Protein backbone atom coordinates (compact mmCIF):
# COMPACT_ATOMS: atom_id res chain seq x y z
CA UNK A 1 234.48 135.95 32.70
CA UNK A 2 233.39 137.03 36.14
CA UNK A 3 233.22 140.68 35.02
CA UNK A 4 230.62 140.22 32.25
CA UNK A 5 227.73 141.32 34.49
CA UNK A 6 229.55 144.61 35.12
CA UNK A 7 229.98 145.13 31.39
CA UNK A 8 226.27 144.61 30.78
CA UNK A 9 225.40 146.78 33.77
CA UNK A 10 227.53 149.68 32.51
CA UNK A 11 224.70 150.73 30.18
CA UNK A 12 222.72 151.83 33.23
CA UNK A 13 224.91 154.92 33.76
CA UNK A 14 224.23 156.63 30.36
CA UNK A 15 220.57 155.63 30.61
CA UNK A 16 220.18 157.28 34.00
CA UNK A 17 221.94 160.43 32.78
CA UNK A 18 219.56 160.59 29.82
CA UNK A 19 216.48 160.10 32.00
CA UNK A 20 217.60 162.87 34.34
CA UNK A 21 218.58 165.38 31.60
CA UNK A 22 215.77 164.72 29.09
CA UNK A 23 212.99 166.71 30.84
CA UNK A 24 215.17 169.84 30.77
CA UNK A 25 215.87 169.74 27.01
CA UNK A 26 213.70 171.91 24.74
CA UNK A 27 211.15 170.35 22.41
CA UNK A 28 211.63 170.40 18.66
CA UNK A 29 210.14 173.52 17.04
CA UNK A 30 208.72 171.43 14.19
CA UNK A 31 206.99 169.11 16.64
CA UNK A 32 205.56 172.01 18.62
CA UNK A 33 204.33 173.76 15.50
CA UNK A 34 203.01 170.87 13.43
CA UNK A 35 201.93 168.29 15.97
CA UNK A 36 200.97 170.35 19.01
CA UNK A 37 199.86 173.44 17.02
CA UNK A 38 201.51 175.69 19.60
CA UNK A 39 202.97 178.63 17.70
CA UNK A 40 204.20 180.57 20.72
CA UNK A 41 206.23 177.66 22.14
CA UNK A 42 207.56 176.86 18.66
CA UNK A 43 208.66 180.48 18.25
CA UNK A 44 210.37 180.40 21.64
CA UNK A 45 212.13 177.13 20.74
CA UNK A 46 213.33 178.60 17.43
CA UNK A 47 214.63 181.63 19.28
CA UNK A 48 216.50 179.37 21.69
CA UNK A 49 218.05 177.25 18.94
CA UNK A 50 218.87 180.06 16.51
CA UNK A 51 219.72 182.77 19.07
CA UNK A 52 217.80 185.50 17.25
CA UNK A 53 214.60 187.40 17.94
CA UNK A 54 212.82 187.34 14.57
CA UNK A 55 212.05 183.74 13.62
CA UNK A 56 208.93 184.39 11.54
CA UNK A 57 210.75 183.34 8.35
CA UNK A 58 211.62 179.94 9.86
CA UNK A 59 208.06 179.39 11.07
CA UNK A 60 206.70 180.22 7.62
CA UNK A 61 209.26 177.87 6.08
CA UNK A 62 208.16 174.97 8.30
CA UNK A 63 204.49 175.65 7.57
CA UNK A 64 205.15 175.81 3.81
CA UNK A 65 207.04 172.51 3.96
CA UNK A 66 204.13 170.98 5.85
CA UNK A 67 201.68 172.12 3.19
CA UNK A 68 203.84 170.59 0.46
CA UNK A 69 204.05 167.29 2.34
CA UNK A 70 200.28 167.19 2.84
CA UNK A 71 199.75 167.60 -0.91
CA UNK A 72 202.14 164.75 -1.76
CA UNK A 73 200.34 161.67 -3.02
CA UNK A 74 201.42 158.35 -1.49
CA UNK A 75 201.91 155.43 -3.86
CA UNK A 76 201.58 151.75 -2.99
CA UNK A 77 204.27 149.23 -3.87
CA UNK A 78 202.05 147.67 -6.53
CA UNK A 79 201.45 151.06 -8.17
CA UNK A 80 205.18 151.73 -8.01
CA UNK A 81 205.95 148.46 -9.80
CA UNK A 82 203.30 149.23 -12.46
CA UNK A 83 204.96 152.55 -13.30
CA UNK A 84 207.38 151.94 -16.17
CA UNK A 85 209.60 154.91 -15.30
CA UNK A 86 210.73 153.51 -11.94
CA UNK A 87 210.14 149.76 -12.29
CA UNK A 88 213.78 148.83 -12.99
CA UNK A 89 215.11 151.04 -10.22
CA UNK A 90 212.76 149.46 -7.69
CA UNK A 91 213.54 145.93 -8.85
CA UNK A 92 217.28 146.66 -8.72
CA UNK A 93 217.03 147.88 -5.14
CA UNK A 94 214.86 144.92 -4.09
CA UNK A 95 217.23 142.36 -5.66
CA UNK A 96 220.29 144.09 -4.20
CA UNK A 97 218.82 144.17 -0.69
CA UNK A 98 217.67 140.55 -1.01
CA UNK A 99 221.16 139.43 -2.03
CA UNK A 100 222.66 141.46 0.79
CA UNK A 101 220.45 139.67 3.31
CA UNK A 102 221.23 136.23 1.89
CA UNK A 103 224.98 136.57 1.36
CA UNK A 104 225.86 136.52 5.06
CA UNK A 105 227.37 140.00 5.44
CA UNK A 106 225.02 140.68 8.35
CA UNK A 107 226.49 137.75 10.23
CA UNK A 108 230.03 139.01 9.67
């Protein structure tokens, strides 16, 4: 019982390692390209990750995926329940997750 504080304090070691190493890790190419709009850094990050010089295909792929995601229409839960094609699937998932929460498996 007297060693419990050491057990809880052991999490400090991996946390400190992460804090020290994190600034030296490269940023995600998707983040650099889509969020920061920095094509040159994204290209450099792709080159680092993929170890090849020509990464134009990958950059175009990420940009195309971004365009497709922007054109996707978001649907509210009410609209989803009103759609006959997916109503039963949504209700099945909701009932299953509700039963899972209430049956006590989380406590086990």
